[in-house]
Amino acid sequence: MSSPAPVVILAEDMRQARLVRAYLRARHPDLHRKNIRDAEMANGRCSGEQWVREHYADEVLAHIIRRLKLSDMRRPEKWLIVVIDADNRTVQDRLNELRNCIAESKDERVRKCRVENINIARLIPKWSVETWILNLNGEPVDEDIPYKRQHRLWDRLIPPAAAEWHGWVSRAENPPDRCTPSLKQGISELRRLTA
């Protein structure tokens, strides 16, 4: 049996996962594709946001178990990156919902964990990740406008967005003024992840 992936992405949809994967490859060029695993997605069974909330505690538990196994084998720590849109809610509302998922877990290890201390990043774009993609590509955006349904070549915009995102995360200074508040929060989350 092969070793579990060093990075697991729990996302609402493929575009979110693609952006995170591209960011990870910009951050760690030597990170092989097979070392990034997408958790199962809703695929029409329910809303992506609902799916992420319903599977968040399970993925946190799996992450805790992977970390325990890895510490025994002296391999690098693994990350769990969760992407969930705020939609018409606030980023803080979504963070609170995710905290409630942890607090209501049936597993004591999950209830006791502090995700901020165990290499879990929660990325919460306002409305949708497309806002972040445009923002990272230098376009002026308004976080109160949903850009998802605009006809854009989103897949072509992802690589330059990911490279810019990596630059913003890796610099010690604050991101540029044009950076949206939800993206600033996401940058803070990614900066917490250890090597």
N, C-alpha and C. Protein backbone atom coordinates (compact mmCIF):
# COMPACT_ATOMS: atom_id res chain seq x y z
N MET A 1 0.85 -1.18 0.00
CA MET A 1 0.00 0.00 0.00
C MET A 1 0.89 1.24 0.00
N SER A 2 0.56 2.21 -0.85
CA SER A 2 1.38 3.41 -0.94
C SER A 2 1.07 4.37 0.20
N SER A 3 2.02 5.25 0.45
CA SER A 3 1.87 6.26 1.50
C SER A 3 0.76 7.23 1.12
N PRO A 4 -0.02 7.72 2.10
CA PRO A 4 -1.05 8.68 1.78
C PRO A 4 -0.43 9.98 1.28
N ALA A 5 -1.23 10.76 0.58
CA ALA A 5 -0.75 12.01 -0.02
C ALA A 5 -0.29 13.00 1.04
N PRO A 6 0.80 13.72 0.76
CA PRO A 6 1.24 14.73 1.72
C PRO A 6 0.25 15.89 1.86
N VAL A 7 -0.54 16.15 0.82
CA VAL A 7 -1.50 17.25 0.87
C VAL A 7 -2.86 16.73 0.41
N VAL A 8 -3.88 17.04 1.19
CA VAL A 8 -5.25 16.70 0.81
C VAL A 8 -6.02 18.00 0.66
N ILE A 9 -6.78 18.11 -0.42
CA ILE A 9 -7.58 19.29 -0.69
C ILE A 9 -9.05 18.90 -0.60
N LEU A 10 -9.76 19.51 0.33
CA LEU A 10 -11.21 19.34 0.44
C LEU A 10 -11.82 20.61 -0.13
N ALA A 11 -12.41 20.50 -1.31
CA ALA A 11 -12.92 21.67 -2.02
C ALA A 11 -14.34 21.43 -2.52
N GLU A 12 -15.02 22.52 -2.80
CA GLU A 12 -16.38 22.43 -3.33
C GLU A 12 -16.39 21.94 -4.77
N ASP A 13 -15.39 22.38 -5.55
CA ASP A 13 -15.41 22.05 -6.98
C ASP A 13 -13.99 21.97 -7.53
N MET A 14 -13.89 21.54 -8.77
CA MET A 14 -12.60 21.33 -9.40
C MET A 14 -11.82 22.62 -9.60
N ARG A 15 -12.48 23.73 -9.86
CA ARG A 15 -11.74 24.98 -10.06
C ARG A 15 -11.02 25.39 -8.79
N GLN A 16 -11.67 25.26 -7.65
CA GLN A 16 -11.01 25.54 -6.38
C GLN A 16 -9.80 24.64 -6.21
N ALA A 17 -9.99 23.35 -6.46
CA ALA A 17 -8.90 22.38 -6.30
C ALA A 17 -7.76 22.67 -7.26
N ARG A 18 -8.08 23.04 -8.51
CA ARG A 18 -7.03 23.36 -9.48
C ARG A 18 -6.20 24.55 -9.03
N LEU A 19 -6.85 25.58 -8.51
CA LEU A 19 -6.11 26.76 -8.05
C LEU A 19 -5.19 26.39 -6.89
N VAL A 20 -5.69 25.63 -5.94
CA VAL A 20 -4.86 25.23 -4.81
C VAL A 20 -3.70 24.35 -5.27
N ARG A 21 -3.97 23.40 -6.18
CA ARG A 21 -2.91 22.55 -6.70
C ARG A 21 -1.83 23.38 -7.40
N ALA A 22 -2.25 24.35 -8.20
CA ALA A 22 -1.28 25.20 -8.91
C ALA A 22 -0.48 26.03 -7.90
N TYR A 23 -1.13 26.52 -6.85
CA TYR A 23 -0.42 27.24 -5.79
C TYR A 23 0.62 26.34 -5.13
N LEU A 24 0.22 25.11 -4.81
CA LEU A 24 1.13 24.18 -4.14
C LEU A 24 2.36 23.87 -5.00
N ARG A 25 2.14 23.72 -6.32
CA ARG A 25 3.27 23.46 -7.21
C ARG A 25 4.17 24.69 -7.33
N ALA A 26 3.59 25.89 -7.23
CA ALA A 26 4.42 27.10 -7.23
C ALA A 26 5.22 27.18 -5.94
N ARG A 27 4.61 26.81 -4.83
CA ARG A 27 5.28 26.87 -3.52
C ARG A 27 6.36 25.79 -3.39
N HIS A 28 6.04 24.60 -3.89
CA HIS A 28 6.96 23.45 -3.79
C HIS A 28 7.07 22.81 -5.17
N PRO A 29 7.94 23.34 -6.04
CA PRO A 29 8.05 22.79 -7.40
C PRO A 29 8.37 21.30 -7.43
N ASP A 30 9.01 20.78 -6.39
CA ASP A 30 9.36 19.36 -6.36
C ASP A 30 8.22 18.47 -5.85
N LEU A 31 7.12 19.08 -5.45
CA LEU A 31 5.97 18.29 -4.97
C LEU A 31 5.31 17.61 -6.15
N HIS A 32 5.35 16.30 -6.16
CA HIS A 32 4.81 15.52 -7.28
C HIS A 32 3.28 15.53 -7.23
N ARG A 33 2.67 15.48 -8.41
CA ARG A 33 1.20 15.49 -8.51
C ARG A 33 0.56 14.38 -7.69
N LYS A 34 1.21 13.23 -7.63
CA LYS A 34 0.62 12.11 -6.89
C LYS A 34 0.62 12.37 -5.39
N ASN A 35 1.37 13.39 -4.94
CA ASN A 35 1.40 13.74 -3.52
C ASN A 35 0.37 14.79 -3.14
N ILE A 36 -0.51 15.10 -4.08
CA ILE A 36 -1.63 16.01 -3.80
C ILE A 36 -2.90 15.23 -4.13
N ARG A 37 -3.76 15.07 -3.15
CA ARG A 37 -4.98 14.29 -3.37
C ARG A 37 -6.19 15.17 -3.11
N ASP A 38 -7.14 15.11 -4.04
CA ASP A 38 -8.41 15.78 -3.83
C ASP A 38 -9.33 14.85 -3.06
N ALA A 39 -9.90 15.36 -1.97
CA ALA A 39 -10.94 14.60 -1.28
C ALA A 39 -12.14 14.51 -2.22
N GLU A 40 -12.99 13.57 -1.98
CA GLU A 40 -14.18 13.41 -2.81
C GLU A 40 -14.99 14.71 -2.81
N MET A 41 -15.60 15.03 -3.95
CA MET A 41 -16.43 16.23 -4.08
C MET A 41 -17.89 15.83 -4.22
N ALA A 42 -18.76 16.82 -4.09
CA ALA A 42 -20.20 16.57 -4.10
C ALA A 42 -20.68 16.00 -5.43
N ASN A 43 -20.16 16.51 -6.54
CA ASN A 43 -20.55 16.04 -7.87
C ASN A 43 -22.06 15.94 -8.05
N GLY A 44 -22.76 16.99 -7.64
CA GLY A 44 -24.19 17.07 -7.87
C GLY A 44 -25.05 16.41 -6.81
N ARG A 45 -24.49 15.74 -5.83
CA ARG A 45 -25.28 15.09 -4.79
C ARG A 45 -25.91 16.10 -3.84
N CYS A 46 -25.26 17.25 -3.68
CA CYS A 46 -25.76 18.35 -2.87
C CYS A 46 -24.92 19.57 -3.24
N SER A 47 -25.12 20.69 -2.59
CA SER A 47 -24.28 21.85 -2.90
C SER A 47 -22.85 21.57 -2.44
N GLY A 48 -21.89 22.16 -3.14
CA GLY A 48 -20.50 21.97 -2.77
C GLY A 48 -20.21 22.46 -1.37
N GLU A 49 -20.80 23.57 -1.01
CA GLU A 49 -20.60 24.15 0.33
C GLU A 49 -21.11 23.20 1.40
N GLN A 50 -22.29 22.62 1.18
CA GLN A 50 -22.85 21.66 2.13
C GLN A 50 -21.95 20.43 2.24
N TRP A 51 -21.46 19.96 1.11
CA TRP A 51 -20.59 18.79 1.07
C TRP A 51 -19.33 19.02 1.91
N VAL A 52 -18.70 20.18 1.72
CA VAL A 52 -17.47 20.47 2.47
C VAL A 52 -17.78 20.50 3.96
N ARG A 53 -18.85 21.16 4.36
CA ARG A 53 -19.20 21.21 5.79
C ARG A 53 -19.45 19.81 6.34
N GLU A 54 -20.18 18.98 5.59
CA GLU A 54 -20.53 17.64 6.07
C GLU A 54 -19.33 16.71 6.15
N HIS A 55 -18.28 16.95 5.37
CA HIS A 55 -17.12 16.06 5.35
C HIS A 55 -15.89 16.66 6.04
N TYR A 56 -16.01 17.86 6.52
CA TYR A 56 -14.88 18.56 7.14
C TYR A 56 -14.34 17.80 8.35
N ALA A 57 -15.19 17.44 9.29
CA ALA A 57 -14.72 16.76 10.51
C ALA A 57 -14.09 15.41 10.17
N ASP A 58 -14.63 14.69 9.18
CA ASP A 58 -14.04 13.41 8.77
C ASP A 58 -12.64 13.61 8.19
N GLU A 59 -12.48 14.66 7.39
CA GLU A 59 -11.16 14.94 6.81
C GLU A 59 -10.18 15.41 7.88
N VAL A 60 -10.67 16.15 8.86
CA VAL A 60 -9.80 16.56 9.97
C VAL A 60 -9.33 15.31 10.73
N LEU A 61 -10.23 14.38 10.99
CA LEU A 61 -9.85 13.14 11.67
C LEU A 61 -8.81 12.38 10.85
N ALA A 62 -9.03 12.25 9.56
CA ALA A 62 -8.07 11.55 8.70
C ALA A 62 -6.72 12.27 8.73
N HIS A 63 -6.75 13.59 8.78
CA HIS A 63 -5.52 14.39 8.84
C HIS A 63 -4.78 14.12 10.17
N ILE A 64 -5.52 14.08 11.26
CA ILE A 64 -4.91 13.80 12.57
C ILE A 64 -4.24 12.42 12.55
N ILE A 65 -4.92 11.44 11.99
CA ILE A 65 -4.38 10.08 11.93
C ILE A 65 -3.13 10.04 11.05
N ARG A 66 -3.16 10.72 9.88
CA ARG A 66 -1.98 10.77 9.01
C ARG A 66 -0.80 11.40 9.74
N ARG A 67 -1.05 12.47 10.47
CA ARG A 67 0.04 13.14 11.20
C ARG A 67 0.66 12.22 12.24
N LEU A 68 -0.17 11.44 12.92
CA LEU A 68 0.36 10.50 13.92
C LEU A 68 1.24 9.45 13.25
N LYS A 69 0.79 8.92 12.13
CA LYS A 69 1.57 7.92 11.40
C LYS A 69 2.88 8.52 10.91
N LEU A 70 2.81 9.74 10.40
CA LEU A 70 4.00 10.37 9.84
C LEU A 70 5.04 10.68 10.90
N SER A 71 4.61 11.08 12.08
CA SER A 71 5.60 11.40 13.11
C SER A 71 6.40 10.16 13.48
N ASP A 72 5.78 9.00 13.38
CA ASP A 72 6.49 7.75 13.66
C ASP A 72 7.50 7.43 12.56
N MET A 73 7.20 7.82 11.32
CA MET A 73 8.06 7.49 10.19
C MET A 73 9.05 8.61 9.86
N ARG A 74 8.99 9.70 10.58
CA ARG A 74 9.89 10.85 10.38
C ARG A 74 9.81 11.41 8.97
N ARG A 75 8.63 11.48 8.44
CA ARG A 75 8.41 12.12 7.14
C ARG A 75 7.86 13.51 7.38
N PRO A 76 7.89 14.35 6.35
CA PRO A 76 7.35 15.71 6.53
C PRO A 76 5.87 15.68 6.91
N GLU A 77 5.46 16.68 7.63
CA GLU A 77 4.05 16.78 8.00
C GLU A 77 3.20 16.96 6.76
N LYS A 78 1.98 16.53 6.86
CA LYS A 78 1.04 16.68 5.76
C LYS A 78 0.10 17.82 6.04
N TRP A 79 -0.51 18.33 4.99
CA TRP A 79 -1.44 19.45 5.11
C TRP A 79 -2.83 19.02 4.67
N LEU A 80 -3.82 19.67 5.25
CA LEU A 80 -5.20 19.60 4.78
C LEU A 80 -5.58 21.03 4.42
N ILE A 81 -5.97 21.23 3.17
CA ILE A 81 -6.39 22.55 2.72
C ILE A 81 -7.87 22.45 2.35
N VAL A 82 -8.67 23.25 3.04
CA VAL A 82 -10.12 23.23 2.88
C VAL A 82 -10.53 24.52 2.16
N VAL A 83 -11.32 24.38 1.10
CA VAL A 83 -11.80 25.54 0.35
C VAL A 83 -13.32 25.50 0.33
N ILE A 84 -13.92 26.55 0.85
CA ILE A 84 -15.38 26.66 0.89
C ILE A 84 -15.74 28.12 0.66
N ASP A 85 -16.68 28.35 -0.25
CA ASP A 85 -17.09 29.72 -0.55
C ASP A 85 -17.93 30.31 0.58
N ALA A 86 -17.77 31.60 0.79
CA ALA A 86 -18.63 32.30 1.75
C ALA A 86 -20.00 32.56 1.14
N ASP A 87 -20.06 32.62 -0.18
CA ASP A 87 -21.30 32.95 -0.90
C ASP A 87 -21.83 34.28 -0.38
N ASN A 88 -23.09 34.34 -0.02
CA ASN A 88 -23.68 35.60 0.45
C ASN A 88 -23.50 35.80 1.96
N ARG A 89 -22.72 34.95 2.59
CA ARG A 89 -22.41 35.05 4.02
C ARG A 89 -21.07 35.76 4.18
N THR A 90 -20.59 35.87 5.40
CA THR A 90 -19.27 36.44 5.62
C THR A 90 -18.25 35.31 5.80
N VAL A 91 -16.99 35.66 5.65
CA VAL A 91 -15.92 34.68 5.89
C VAL A 91 -16.00 34.20 7.33
N GLN A 92 -16.26 35.11 8.25
CA GLN A 92 -16.35 34.73 9.66
C GLN A 92 -17.51 33.76 9.90
N ASP A 93 -18.64 33.94 9.20
CA ASP A 93 -19.76 32.99 9.31
C ASP A 93 -19.30 31.59 8.94
N ARG A 94 -18.56 31.48 7.83
CA ARG A 94 -18.09 30.16 7.38
C ARG A 94 -17.08 29.58 8.38
N LEU A 95 -16.18 30.41 8.88
CA LEU A 95 -15.24 29.92 9.90
C LEU A 95 -15.98 29.39 11.12
N ASN A 96 -17.02 30.10 11.54
CA ASN A 96 -17.83 29.66 12.67
C ASN A 96 -18.51 28.33 12.37
N GLU A 97 -19.02 28.17 11.16
CA GLU A 97 -19.66 26.91 10.78
C GLU A 97 -18.65 25.76 10.83
N LEU A 98 -17.44 26.02 10.33
CA LEU A 98 -16.41 24.98 10.37
C LEU A 98 -16.02 24.65 11.81
N ARG A 99 -15.94 25.66 12.66
CA ARG A 99 -15.64 25.41 14.09
C ARG A 99 -16.75 24.57 14.71
N ASN A 100 -17.99 24.84 14.35
CA ASN A 100 -19.11 24.05 14.88
C ASN A 100 -19.02 22.60 14.41
N CYS A 101 -18.59 22.39 13.17
CA CYS A 101 -18.42 21.01 12.68
C CYS A 101 -17.42 20.26 13.55
N ILE A 102 -16.35 20.94 13.95
CA ILE A 102 -15.34 20.32 14.82
C ILE A 102 -15.93 20.06 16.21
N ALA A 103 -16.61 21.07 16.75
CA ALA A 103 -17.17 20.95 18.11
C ALA A 103 -18.23 19.86 18.20
N GLU A 104 -18.94 19.61 17.09
CA GLU A 104 -20.03 18.63 17.09
C GLU A 104 -19.59 17.24 16.61
N SER A 105 -18.31 17.07 16.34
CA SER A 105 -17.82 15.79 15.85
C SER A 105 -18.07 14.70 16.90
N LYS A 106 -18.29 13.50 16.41
CA LYS A 106 -18.47 12.35 17.31
C LYS A 106 -17.13 11.84 17.84
N ASP A 107 -16.04 12.27 17.22
CA ASP A 107 -14.72 11.79 17.61
C ASP A 107 -14.05 12.79 18.55
N GLU A 108 -13.62 12.29 19.70
CA GLU A 108 -13.02 13.16 20.71
C GLU A 108 -11.73 13.81 20.21
N ARG A 109 -10.94 13.09 19.40
CA ARG A 109 -9.70 13.66 18.87
C ARG A 109 -9.97 14.90 18.03
N VAL A 110 -11.05 14.85 17.28
CA VAL A 110 -11.42 16.00 16.45
C VAL A 110 -11.89 17.15 17.32
N ARG A 111 -12.77 16.84 18.29
CA ARG A 111 -13.30 17.90 19.17
C ARG A 111 -12.18 18.61 19.93
N LYS A 112 -11.13 17.87 20.30
CA LYS A 112 -10.05 18.45 21.10
C LYS A 112 -9.01 19.20 20.26
N CYS A 113 -8.99 18.97 18.96
CA CYS A 113 -7.93 19.56 18.15
C CYS A 113 -8.17 21.05 17.91
N ARG A 114 -7.08 21.74 17.72
CA ARG A 114 -7.11 23.14 17.27
C ARG A 114 -6.53 23.14 15.87
N VAL A 115 -7.41 23.31 14.87
CA VAL A 115 -6.95 23.19 13.49
C VAL A 115 -5.83 24.18 13.17
N GLU A 116 -5.82 25.29 13.87
CA GLU A 116 -4.78 26.30 13.64
C GLU A 116 -3.39 25.76 13.97
N ASN A 117 -3.30 24.70 14.77
CA ASN A 117 -2.01 24.17 15.21
C ASN A 117 -1.60 22.89 14.49
N ILE A 118 -2.41 22.39 13.57
CA ILE A 118 -2.07 21.09 12.97
C ILE A 118 -2.07 21.13 11.44
N ASN A 119 -1.57 22.19 10.87
CA ASN A 119 -1.39 22.30 9.42
C ASN A 119 -2.68 22.09 8.62
N ILE A 120 -3.73 22.76 9.06
CA ILE A 120 -4.98 22.80 8.30
C ILE A 120 -5.23 24.26 7.93
N ALA A 121 -5.39 24.51 6.64
CA ALA A 121 -5.70 25.86 6.17
C ALA A 121 -7.14 25.88 5.67
N ARG A 122 -7.87 26.91 6.08
CA ARG A 122 -9.26 27.09 5.64
C ARG A 122 -9.31 28.32 4.74
N LEU A 123 -9.55 28.08 3.45
CA LEU A 123 -9.59 29.15 2.46
C LEU A 123 -11.04 29.43 2.12
N ILE A 124 -11.45 30.68 2.32
CA ILE A 124 -12.88 31.02 2.18
C ILE A 124 -13.04 32.24 1.29
N PRO A 125 -13.11 32.02 -0.03
CA PRO A 125 -13.36 33.15 -0.91
C PRO A 125 -14.78 33.69 -0.72
N LYS A 126 -14.92 34.99 -0.81
CA LYS A 126 -16.26 35.59 -0.76
C LYS A 126 -16.91 35.32 -2.11
N TRP A 127 -18.10 34.83 -2.11
CA TRP A 127 -18.87 34.36 -3.27
C TRP A 127 -18.22 33.15 -3.89
N SER A 128 -17.07 33.32 -4.56
CA SER A 128 -16.47 32.15 -5.21
C SER A 128 -14.99 32.39 -5.46
N VAL A 129 -14.28 31.31 -5.76
CA VAL A 129 -12.84 31.37 -5.98
C VAL A 129 -12.51 32.19 -7.22
N GLU A 130 -13.46 32.35 -8.12
CA GLU A 130 -13.22 33.15 -9.32
C GLU A 130 -12.86 34.59 -8.97
N THR A 131 -13.41 35.09 -7.86
CA THR A 131 -13.05 36.44 -7.39
C THR A 131 -11.56 36.49 -7.10
N TRP A 132 -11.04 35.47 -6.42
CA TRP A 132 -9.61 35.42 -6.12
C TRP A 132 -8.78 35.32 -7.39
N ILE A 133 -9.22 34.48 -8.34
CA ILE A 133 -8.47 34.30 -9.58
C ILE A 133 -8.33 35.63 -10.31
N LEU A 134 -9.42 36.38 -10.41
CA LEU A 134 -9.37 37.68 -11.07
C LEU A 134 -8.50 38.65 -10.29
N ASN A 135 -8.67 38.70 -8.98
CA ASN A 135 -7.89 39.59 -8.13
C ASN A 135 -6.40 39.31 -8.27
N LEU A 136 -6.01 38.06 -8.25
CA LEU A 136 -4.61 37.67 -8.38
C LEU A 136 -4.04 37.97 -9.76
N ASN A 137 -4.92 38.05 -10.76
CA ASN A 137 -4.50 38.40 -12.11
C ASN A 137 -4.51 39.91 -12.34
N GLY A 138 -4.73 40.68 -11.28
CA GLY A 138 -4.63 42.12 -11.39
C GLY A 138 -5.91 42.85 -11.77
N GLU A 139 -7.01 42.13 -11.88
CA GLU A 139 -8.26 42.78 -12.24
C GLU A 139 -8.93 43.34 -10.99
N PRO A 140 -9.50 44.54 -11.10
CA PRO A 140 -10.25 45.07 -9.95
C PRO A 140 -11.51 44.23 -9.73
N VAL A 141 -11.76 43.87 -8.49
CA VAL A 141 -12.94 43.06 -8.17
C VAL A 141 -13.66 43.67 -6.98
N ASP A 142 -14.92 43.31 -6.88
CA ASP A 142 -15.77 43.68 -5.75
C ASP A 142 -16.24 42.38 -5.15
N GLU A 143 -15.91 42.13 -3.88
CA GLU A 143 -16.25 40.84 -3.27
C GLU A 143 -17.76 40.62 -3.13
N ASP A 144 -18.55 41.65 -3.34
CA ASP A 144 -20.00 41.48 -3.26
C ASP A 144 -20.61 41.09 -4.60
N ILE A 145 -19.78 40.91 -5.62
CA ILE A 145 -20.27 40.51 -6.94
C ILE A 145 -19.81 39.09 -7.22
N PRO A 146 -20.74 38.19 -7.56
CA PRO A 146 -20.32 36.82 -7.92
C PRO A 146 -19.82 36.80 -9.38
N TYR A 147 -18.57 36.40 -9.58
CA TYR A 147 -17.95 36.38 -10.91
C TYR A 147 -18.01 35.00 -11.56
N LYS A 148 -18.44 34.01 -10.84
CA LYS A 148 -18.38 32.62 -11.29
C LYS A 148 -19.04 32.38 -12.64
N ARG A 149 -20.14 33.03 -12.90
CA ARG A 149 -20.89 32.77 -14.13
C ARG A 149 -20.38 33.58 -15.33
N GLN A 150 -19.39 34.44 -15.11
CA GLN A 150 -18.83 35.18 -16.24
C GLN A 150 -18.10 34.22 -17.16
N HIS A 151 -18.21 34.50 -18.43
CA HIS A 151 -17.53 33.65 -19.42
C HIS A 151 -16.09 34.12 -19.54
N ARG A 152 -15.20 33.38 -18.89
CA ARG A 152 -13.76 33.66 -18.89
C ARG A 152 -13.03 32.36 -19.18
N LEU A 153 -11.81 32.48 -19.58
CA LEU A 153 -10.96 31.30 -19.75
C LEU A 153 -10.31 31.00 -18.40
N TRP A 154 -11.13 30.52 -17.48
CA TRP A 154 -10.70 30.34 -16.09
C TRP A 154 -9.47 29.46 -15.98
N ASP A 155 -9.42 28.37 -16.73
CA ASP A 155 -8.27 27.46 -16.60
C ASP A 155 -6.97 28.14 -17.02
N ARG A 156 -7.03 29.06 -17.97
CA ARG A 156 -5.83 29.80 -18.38
C ARG A 156 -5.43 30.85 -17.34
N LEU A 157 -6.38 31.33 -16.58
CA LEU A 157 -6.10 32.34 -15.57
C LEU A 157 -5.53 31.75 -14.28
N ILE A 158 -5.70 30.44 -14.09
CA ILE A 158 -5.25 29.81 -12.84
C ILE A 158 -3.73 29.82 -12.66
N PRO A 159 -2.92 29.40 -13.64
CA PRO A 159 -1.46 29.38 -13.40
C PRO A 159 -0.87 30.75 -13.01
N PRO A 160 -1.19 31.83 -13.73
CA PRO A 160 -0.62 33.11 -13.29
C PRO A 160 -1.18 33.55 -11.93
N ALA A 161 -2.43 33.22 -11.65
CA ALA A 161 -3.02 33.55 -10.35
C ALA A 161 -2.28 32.80 -9.24
N ALA A 162 -1.99 31.54 -9.47
CA ALA A 162 -1.30 30.72 -8.46
C ALA A 162 0.12 31.24 -8.22
N ALA A 163 0.80 31.63 -9.28
CA ALA A 163 2.16 32.16 -9.13
C ALA A 163 2.14 33.46 -8.32
N GLU A 164 1.18 34.32 -8.62
CA GLU A 164 1.05 35.58 -7.87
C GLU A 164 0.70 35.29 -6.41
N TRP A 165 -0.20 34.36 -6.19
CA TRP A 165 -0.62 33.97 -4.84
C TRP A 165 0.58 33.50 -4.03
N HIS A 166 1.39 32.65 -4.65
CA HIS A 166 2.60 32.18 -3.96
C HIS A 166 3.50 33.36 -3.59
N GLY A 167 3.63 34.31 -4.49
CA GLY A 167 4.44 35.49 -4.20
C GLY A 167 3.91 36.27 -3.01
N TRP A 168 2.59 36.43 -2.96
CA TRP A 168 1.98 37.17 -1.86
C TRP A 168 2.13 36.43 -0.54
N VAL A 169 2.01 35.10 -0.58
CA VAL A 169 2.12 34.31 0.65
C VAL A 169 3.57 34.30 1.15
N SER A 170 4.52 34.18 0.24
CA SER A 170 5.91 33.99 0.65
C SER A 170 6.60 35.29 1.08
N ARG A 171 6.08 36.43 0.66
CA ARG A 171 6.68 37.70 1.08
C ARG A 171 6.34 37.99 2.54
N ALA A 172 7.28 38.60 3.23
CA ALA A 172 7.06 38.92 4.64
C ALA A 172 6.08 40.09 4.81
N GLU A 173 6.05 40.98 3.84
CA GLU A 173 5.17 42.15 3.98
C GLU A 173 3.72 41.80 3.65
N ASN A 174 2.86 42.75 3.89
CA ASN A 174 1.44 42.58 3.61
C ASN A 174 1.21 42.49 2.10
N PRO A 175 0.14 41.80 1.70
CA PRO A 175 -0.18 41.75 0.28
C PRO A 175 -0.52 43.16 -0.24
N PRO A 176 -0.53 43.34 -1.54
CA PRO A 176 -0.85 44.66 -2.09
C PRO A 176 -2.24 45.14 -1.66
N ASP A 177 -2.45 46.43 -1.75
CA ASP A 177 -3.73 47.03 -1.35
C ASP A 177 -4.91 46.46 -2.14
N ARG A 178 -4.68 46.04 -3.37
CA ARG A 178 -5.77 45.51 -4.19
C ARG A 178 -6.25 44.14 -3.73
N CYS A 179 -5.52 43.50 -2.83
CA CYS A 179 -5.88 42.17 -2.33
C CYS A 179 -7.19 42.26 -1.55
N THR A 180 -8.14 41.41 -1.88
CA THR A 180 -9.45 41.43 -1.22
C THR A 180 -9.33 40.94 0.22
N PRO A 181 -10.25 41.34 1.09
CA PRO A 181 -10.19 40.89 2.49
C PRO A 181 -10.22 39.36 2.65
N SER A 182 -11.04 38.67 1.88
CA SER A 182 -11.09 37.21 2.04
C SER A 182 -9.79 36.56 1.57
N LEU A 183 -9.17 37.11 0.55
CA LEU A 183 -7.89 36.57 0.09
C LEU A 183 -6.80 36.86 1.13
N LYS A 184 -6.84 38.02 1.76
CA LYS A 184 -5.87 38.31 2.84
C LYS A 184 -6.00 37.27 3.96
N GLN A 185 -7.23 36.94 4.30
CA GLN A 185 -7.46 35.91 5.31
C GLN A 185 -6.88 34.57 4.86
N GLY A 186 -7.09 34.23 3.58
CA GLY A 186 -6.55 33.00 3.03
C GLY A 186 -5.03 32.97 3.05
N ILE A 187 -4.42 34.11 2.77
CA ILE A 187 -2.96 34.21 2.83
C ILE A 187 -2.47 33.93 4.25
N SER A 188 -3.15 34.49 5.23
CA SER A 188 -2.79 34.23 6.63
C SER A 188 -2.88 32.75 6.94
N GLU A 189 -3.92 32.09 6.44
CA GLU A 189 -4.08 30.66 6.67
C GLU A 189 -2.92 29.88 6.06
N LEU A 190 -2.53 30.22 4.84
CA LEU A 190 -1.45 29.48 4.17
C LEU A 190 -0.11 29.76 4.83
N ARG A 191 0.08 30.94 5.35
CA ARG A 191 1.35 31.25 6.02
C ARG A 191 1.54 30.42 7.29
N ARG A 192 0.45 29.92 7.87
CA ARG A 192 0.56 29.10 9.08
C ARG A 192 1.09 27.71 8.79
N LEU A 193 0.96 27.24 7.55
CA LEU A 193 1.40 25.89 7.22
C LEU A 193 2.92 25.82 7.30
N THR A 194 3.42 24.85 8.03
CA THR A 194 4.87 24.70 8.13
C THR A 194 5.38 23.90 6.95
N ALA A 195 6.66 24.07 6.68
CA ALA A 195 7.31 23.45 5.53
C ALA A 195 6.74 22.10 5.27
